[in-house]
């Protein structure tokens, strides 16, 4: 049960970081060297997909410690 919570939290962190990077790459979130660089949009999308996948796998395997 502990590893399920850890995967959900870790996946959520990846999703949150990915969303921030998408916003920075799109120029919406300012104040970084990443601002306005489209590369970070794609890196952010990859983080969101990876984080979502981790969270989904944790939910699919109840008791899969």
PDB file of N, CA and C in Angstrom:
ATOM      1  N   UNK A   1       0.820  -1.191   0.000  1.00  0.00           N
ATOM      2  CA  UNK A   1       0.000   0.000   0.000  1.00  0.00           C
ATOM      3  C   UNK A   1       0.864   1.255   0.000  1.00  0.00           C
ATOM      4  N   UNK A   2       2.001   1.180   0.690  1.00  0.00           N
ATOM      5  CA  UNK A   2       2.888   2.327   0.757  1.00  0.00           C
ATOM      6  C   UNK A   2       3.451   2.684  -0.620  1.00  0.00           C
ATOM      7  N   UNK A   3       3.802   1.663  -1.412  1.00  0.00           N
ATOM      8  CA  UNK A   3       4.377   1.934  -2.724  1.00  0.00           C
ATOM      9  C   UNK A   3       3.328   2.510  -3.685  1.00  0.00           C
ATOM     10  N   UNK A   4       2.067   2.171  -3.491  1.00  0.00           N
ATOM     11  CA  UNK A   4       1.007   2.736  -4.328  1.00  0.00           C
ATOM     12  C   UNK A   4       0.903   4.234  -4.077  1.00  0.00           C
ATOM     13  N   UNK A   5       0.903   4.616  -2.800  1.00  0.00           N
ATOM     14  CA  UNK A   5       0.847   6.042  -2.463  1.00  0.00           C
ATOM     15  C   UNK A   5       2.069   6.768  -2.994  1.00  0.00           C
ATOM     16  N   UNK A   6       3.230   6.149  -2.877  1.00  0.00           N
ATOM     17  CA  UNK A   6       4.461   6.756  -3.351  1.00  0.00           C
ATOM     18  C   UNK A   6       4.415   6.967  -4.867  1.00  0.00           C
ATOM     19  N   UNK A   7       3.898   5.976  -5.599  1.00  0.00           N
ATOM     20  CA  UNK A   7       3.788   6.120  -7.057  1.00  0.00           C
ATOM     21  C   UNK A   7       2.798   7.209  -7.441  1.00  0.00           C
ATOM     22  N   UNK A   8       1.697   7.318  -6.710  1.00  0.00           N
ATOM     23  CA  UNK A   8       0.713   8.354  -7.007  1.00  0.00           C
ATOM     24  C   UNK A   8       1.305   9.737  -6.726  1.00  0.00           C
ATOM     25  N   UNK A   9       1.992   9.877  -5.603  1.00  0.00           N
ATOM     26  CA  UNK A   9       2.609  11.162  -5.278  1.00  0.00           C
ATOM     27  C   UNK A   9       3.716  11.496  -6.281  1.00  0.00           C
ATOM     28  N   UNK A  10       4.575  10.522  -6.574  1.00  0.00           N
ATOM     29  CA  UNK A  10       5.654  10.748  -7.539  1.00  0.00           C
ATOM     30  C   UNK A  10       5.128  11.089  -8.921  1.00  0.00           C
ATOM     31  N   UNK A  11       4.096  10.389  -9.349  1.00  0.00           N
ATOM     32  CA  UNK A  11       3.485  10.690 -10.642  1.00  0.00           C
ATOM     33  C   UNK A  11       2.865  12.074 -10.660  1.00  0.00           C
ATOM     34  N   UNK A  12       2.241  12.449  -9.551  1.00  0.00           N
ATOM     35  CA  UNK A  12       1.652  13.785  -9.447  1.00  0.00           C
ATOM     36  C   UNK A  12       2.697  14.883  -9.522  1.00  0.00           C
ATOM     37  N   UNK A  13       3.848  14.637  -8.902  1.00  0.00           N
ATOM     38  CA  UNK A  13       4.943  15.608  -8.962  1.00  0.00           C
ATOM     39  C   UNK A  13       5.431  15.756 -10.409  1.00  0.00           C
ATOM     40  N   UNK A  14       5.577  14.626 -11.110  1.00  0.00           N
ATOM     41  CA  UNK A  14       6.000  14.690 -12.515  1.00  0.00           C
ATOM     42  C   UNK A  14       4.986  15.458 -13.365  1.00  0.00           C
ATOM     43  N   UNK A  15       3.701  15.225 -13.130  1.00  0.00           N
ATOM     44  CA  UNK A  15       2.658  15.936 -13.871  1.00  0.00           C
ATOM     45  C   UNK A  15       2.743  17.441 -13.593  1.00  0.00           C
ATOM     46  N   UNK A  16       2.902  17.805 -12.319  1.00  0.00           N
ATOM     47  CA  UNK A  16       2.971  19.225 -11.953  1.00  0.00           C
ATOM     48  C   UNK A  16       4.183  19.905 -12.587  1.00  0.00           C
ATOM     49  N   UNK A  17       5.336  19.246 -12.543  1.00  0.00           N
ATOM     50  CA  UNK A  17       6.542  19.802 -13.163  1.00  0.00           C
ATOM     51  C   UNK A  17       6.338  19.919 -14.670  1.00  0.00           C
ATOM     52  N   UNK A  18       5.747  18.893 -15.267  1.00  0.00           N
ATOM     53  CA  UNK A  18       5.499  18.921 -16.714  1.00  0.00           C
ATOM     54  C   UNK A  18       4.591  20.062 -17.115  1.00  0.00           C
ATOM     55  N   UNK A  19       3.541  20.305 -16.346  1.00  0.00           N
ATOM     56  CA  UNK A  19       2.633  21.413 -16.657  1.00  0.00           C
ATOM     57  C   UNK A  19       3.378  22.736 -16.560  1.00  0.00           C
ATOM     58  N   UNK A  20       4.202  22.895 -15.519  1.00  0.00           N
ATOM     59  CA  UNK A  20       4.984  24.129 -15.384  1.00  0.00           C
ATOM     60  C   UNK A  20       5.904  24.318 -16.577  1.00  0.00           C
ATOM     61  N   UNK A  21       6.581  23.260 -17.000  1.00  0.00           N
ATOM     62  CA  UNK A  21       7.494  23.362 -18.126  1.00  0.00           C
ATOM     63  C   UNK A  21       6.758  23.659 -19.432  1.00  0.00           C
ATOM     64  N   UNK A  22       5.572  23.103 -19.596  1.00  0.00           N
ATOM     65  CA  UNK A  22       4.766  23.418 -20.775  1.00  0.00           C
ATOM     66  C   UNK A  22       4.434  24.909 -20.794  1.00  0.00           C
ATOM     67  N   UNK A  23       4.013  25.416 -19.651  1.00  0.00           N
ATOM     68  CA  UNK A  23       3.675  26.838 -19.565  1.00  0.00           C
ATOM     69  C   UNK A  23       4.894  27.725 -19.790  1.00  0.00           C
ATOM     70  N   UNK A  24       6.052  27.323 -19.283  1.00  0.00           N
ATOM     71  CA  UNK A  24       7.261  28.097 -19.511  1.00  0.00           C
ATOM     72  C   UNK A  24       7.677  28.044 -20.976  1.00  0.00           C
ATOM     73  N   UNK A  25       7.612  26.878 -21.562  1.00  0.00           N
ATOM     74  CA  UNK A  25       7.974  26.752 -22.974  1.00  0.00           C
ATOM     75  C   UNK A  25       7.055  27.544 -23.874  1.00  0.00           C
ATOM     76  N   UNK A  26       5.791  27.655 -23.487  1.00  0.00           N
ATOM     77  CA  UNK A  26       4.825  28.417 -24.278  1.00  0.00           C
ATOM     78  C   UNK A  26       4.917  29.916 -24.007  1.00  0.00           C
ATOM     79  N   UNK A  27       5.729  30.303 -23.023  1.00  0.00           N
ATOM     80  CA  UNK A  27       5.883  31.712 -22.711  1.00  0.00           C
ATOM     81  C   UNK A  27       4.814  32.260 -21.782  1.00  0.00           C
ATOM     82  N   UNK A  28       3.986  31.396 -21.217  1.00  0.00           N
ATOM     83  CA  UNK A  28       2.928  31.829 -20.304  1.00  0.00           C
ATOM     84  C   UNK A  28       3.515  32.117 -18.921  1.00  0.00           C
ATOM     85  N   UNK A  29       4.359  31.208 -18.419  1.00  0.00           N
ATOM     86  CA  UNK A  29       5.037  31.402 -17.137  1.00  0.00           C
ATOM     87  C   UNK A  29       6.394  32.038 -17.436  1.00  0.00           C
ATOM     88  N   UNK A  30       6.635  33.188 -16.880  1.00  0.00           N
ATOM     89  CA  UNK A  30       7.855  33.955 -17.168  1.00  0.00           C
ATOM     90  C   UNK A  30       8.904  33.727 -16.084  1.00  0.00           C
ATOM     91  N   UNK A  31      10.116  34.231 -16.360  1.00  0.00           N
ATOM     92  CA  UNK A  31      11.159  34.270 -15.347  1.00  0.00           C
ATOM     93  C   UNK A  31      12.142  33.124 -15.367  1.00  0.00           C
ATOM     94  N   UNK A  32      12.337  32.496 -16.499  1.00  0.00           N
ATOM     95  CA  UNK A  32      13.250  31.360 -16.584  1.00  0.00           C
ATOM     96  C   UNK A  32      13.931  31.379 -17.950  1.00  0.00           C
ATOM     97  N   UNK A  33      15.085  30.713 -18.026  1.00  0.00           N
ATOM     98  CA  UNK A  33      15.741  30.582 -19.329  1.00  0.00           C
ATOM     99  C   UNK A  33      14.923  29.686 -20.260  1.00  0.00           C
ATOM    100  N   UNK A  34      13.982  28.942 -19.705  1.00  0.00           N
ATOM    101  CA  UNK A  34      13.135  28.057 -20.506  1.00  0.00           C
ATOM    102  C   UNK A  34      11.977  28.818 -21.154  1.00  0.00           C
ATOM    103  N   UNK A  35      11.712  30.032 -20.684  1.00  0.00           N
ATOM    104  CA  UNK A  35      10.570  30.802 -21.170  1.00  0.00           C
ATOM    105  C   UNK A  35      10.683  31.044 -22.675  1.00  0.00           C
ATOM    106  N   UNK A  36       9.655  30.645 -23.386  1.00  0.00           N
ATOM    107  CA  UNK A  36       9.588  30.869 -24.825  1.00  0.00           C
ATOM    108  C   UNK A  36      10.338  29.860 -25.668  1.00  0.00           C
ATOM    109  N   UNK A  37      10.959  28.865 -25.062  1.00  0.00           N
ATOM    110  CA  UNK A  37      11.696  27.833 -25.800  1.00  0.00           C
ATOM    111  C   UNK A  37      10.777  26.633 -25.999  1.00  0.00           C
ATOM    112  N   UNK A  38      10.335  26.377 -27.238  1.00  0.00           N
ATOM    113  CA  UNK A  38       9.373  25.294 -27.497  1.00  0.00           C
ATOM    114  C   UNK A  38       9.867  23.895 -27.118  1.00  0.00           C
ATOM    115  N   UNK A  39      11.160  23.725 -26.976  1.00  0.00           N
ATOM    116  CA  UNK A  39      11.691  22.430 -26.554  1.00  0.00           C
ATOM    117  C   UNK A  39      11.072  22.001 -25.238  1.00  0.00           C
ATOM    118  N   UNK A  40      10.866  22.975 -24.339  1.00  0.00           N
ATOM    119  CA  UNK A  40      10.345  22.654 -23.009  1.00  0.00           C
ATOM    120  C   UNK A  40       8.879  22.271 -23.036  1.00  0.00           C
ATOM    121  N   UNK A  41       8.175  22.658 -24.080  1.00  0.00           N
ATOM    122  CA  UNK A  41       6.796  22.191 -24.222  1.00  0.00           C
ATOM    123  C   UNK A  41       6.801  20.670 -24.380  1.00  0.00           C
ATOM    124  N   UNK A  42       7.671  20.167 -25.242  1.00  0.00           N
ATOM    125  CA  UNK A  42       7.722  18.732 -25.504  1.00  0.00           C
ATOM    126  C   UNK A  42       8.284  17.951 -24.331  1.00  0.00           C
ATOM    127  N   UNK A  43       9.267  18.516 -23.638  1.00  0.00           N
ATOM    128  CA  UNK A  43       9.783  17.862 -22.437  1.00  0.00           C
ATOM    129  C   UNK A  43       8.682  17.807 -21.380  1.00  0.00           C
ATOM    130  N   UNK A  44       7.935  18.898 -21.245  1.00  0.00           N
ATOM    131  CA  UNK A  44       6.818  18.943 -20.303  1.00  0.00           C
ATOM    132  C   UNK A  44       5.745  17.931 -20.633  1.00  0.00           C
ATOM    133  N   UNK A  45       5.426  17.798 -21.905  1.00  0.00           N
ATOM    134  CA  UNK A  45       4.427  16.808 -22.323  1.00  0.00           C
ATOM    135  C   UNK A  45       4.902  15.402 -21.961  1.00  0.00           C
ATOM    136  N   UNK A  46       6.175  15.130 -22.163  1.00  0.00           N
ATOM    137  CA  UNK A  46       6.721  13.819 -21.816  1.00  0.00           C
ATOM    138  C   UNK A  46       6.599  13.555 -20.311  1.00  0.00           C
ATOM    139  N   UNK A  47       6.854  14.588 -19.497  1.00  0.00           N
ATOM    140  CA  UNK A  47       6.722  14.428 -18.045  1.00  0.00           C
ATOM    141  C   UNK A  47       5.271  14.190 -17.647  1.00  0.00           C
ATOM    142  N   UNK A  48       4.349  14.911 -18.275  1.00  0.00           N
ATOM    143  CA  UNK A  48       2.926  14.726 -17.961  1.00  0.00           C
ATOM    144  C   UNK A  48       2.491  13.304 -18.321  1.00  0.00           C
ATOM    145  N   UNK A  49       2.897  12.831 -19.484  1.00  0.00           N
ATOM    146  CA  UNK A  49       2.532  11.476 -19.911  1.00  0.00           C
ATOM    147  C   UNK A  49       3.153  10.431 -18.974  1.00  0.00           C
ATOM    148  N   UNK A  50       4.432  10.615 -18.635  1.00  0.00           N
ATOM    149  CA  UNK A  50       5.097   9.665 -17.738  1.00  0.00           C
ATOM    150  C   UNK A  50       4.444   9.665 -16.353  1.00  0.00           C
ATOM    151  N   UNK A  51       4.176  10.850 -15.826  1.00  0.00           N
ATOM    152  CA  UNK A  51       3.546  10.939 -14.513  1.00  0.00           C
ATOM    153  C   UNK A  51       2.149  10.346 -14.507  1.00  0.00           C
ATOM    154  N   UNK A  52       1.392  10.629 -15.547  1.00  0.00           N
ATOM    155  CA  UNK A  52       0.047  10.057 -15.648  1.00  0.00           C
ATOM    156  C   UNK A  52       0.082   8.552 -15.762  1.00  0.00           C
ATOM    157  N   UNK A  53       1.054   8.047 -16.492  1.00  0.00           N
ATOM    158  CA  UNK A  53       1.209   6.600 -16.644  1.00  0.00           C
ATOM    159  C   UNK A  53       1.564   5.944 -15.317  1.00  0.00           C
ATOM    160  N   UNK A  54       2.444   6.568 -14.554  1.00  0.00           N
ATOM    161  CA  UNK A  54       2.825   6.030 -13.247  1.00  0.00           C
ATOM    162  C   UNK A  54       1.619   6.004 -12.314  1.00  0.00           C
ATOM    163  N   UNK A  55       0.848   7.093 -12.302  1.00  0.00           N
ATOM    164  CA  UNK A  55      -0.326   7.144 -11.435  1.00  0.00           C
ATOM    165  C   UNK A  55      -1.376   6.126 -11.877  1.00  0.00           C
ATOM    166  N   UNK A  56      -1.576   5.971 -13.182  1.00  0.00           N
ATOM    167  CA  UNK A  56      -2.551   5.003 -13.672  1.00  0.00           C
ATOM    168  C   UNK A  56      -2.135   3.577 -13.328  1.00  0.00           C
ATOM    169  N   UNK A  57      -0.850   3.282 -13.438  1.00  0.00           N
ATOM    170  CA  UNK A  57      -0.394   1.923 -13.111  1.00  0.00           C
ATOM    171  C   UNK A  57      -0.544   1.639 -11.629  1.00  0.00           C
ATOM    172  N   UNK A  58      -0.391   2.649 -10.801  1.00  0.00           N
ATOM    173  CA  UNK A  58      -0.567   2.457  -9.354  1.00  0.00           C
ATOM    174  C   UNK A  58      -2.026   2.161  -9.040  1.00  0.00           C
ATOM    175  N   UNK A  59      -2.922   2.786  -9.756  1.00  0.00           N
ATOM    176  CA  UNK A  59      -4.348   2.565  -9.505  1.00  0.00           C
ATOM    177  C   UNK A  59      -4.826   1.214 -10.071  1.00  0.00           C
ATOM    178  N   UNK A  60      -4.160   0.718 -11.122  1.00  0.00           N
ATOM    179  CA  UNK A  60      -4.557  -0.555 -11.724  1.00  0.00           C
ATOM    180  C   UNK A  60      -4.145  -1.753 -10.893  1.00  0.00           C
ATOM    181  N   UNK A  61      -3.131  -1.596 -10.050  1.00  0.00           N
ATOM    182  CA  UNK A  61      -2.582  -2.729  -9.316  1.00  0.00           C
ATOM    183  C   UNK A  61      -2.803  -2.578  -7.812  1.00  0.00           C
ATOM    184  N   UNK A  62      -4.040  -2.690  -7.377  1.00  0.00           N
ATOM    185  CA  UNK A  62      -4.235  -2.595  -5.927  1.00  0.00           C
ATOM    186  C   UNK A  62      -3.598  -3.769  -5.207  1.00  0.00           C
ATOM    187  N   UNK A  63      -2.836  -3.448  -4.192  1.00  0.00           N
ATOM    188  CA  UNK A  63      -2.137  -4.496  -3.446  1.00  0.00           C
ATOM    189  C   UNK A  63      -0.984  -5.095  -4.185  1.00  0.00           C
ATOM    190  N   UNK A  64      -0.472  -4.404  -5.204  1.00  0.00           N
ATOM    191  CA  UNK A  64       0.622  -4.946  -6.003  1.00  0.00           C
ATOM    192  C   UNK A  64       1.991  -4.624  -5.454  1.00  0.00           C
ATOM    193  N   UNK A  65       2.129  -4.607  -4.132  1.00  0.00           N
ATOM    194  CA  UNK A  65       3.428  -4.289  -3.525  1.00  0.00           C
ATOM    195  C   UNK A  65       4.436  -5.382  -3.754  1.00  0.00           C
TER     196      UNK A  65
END
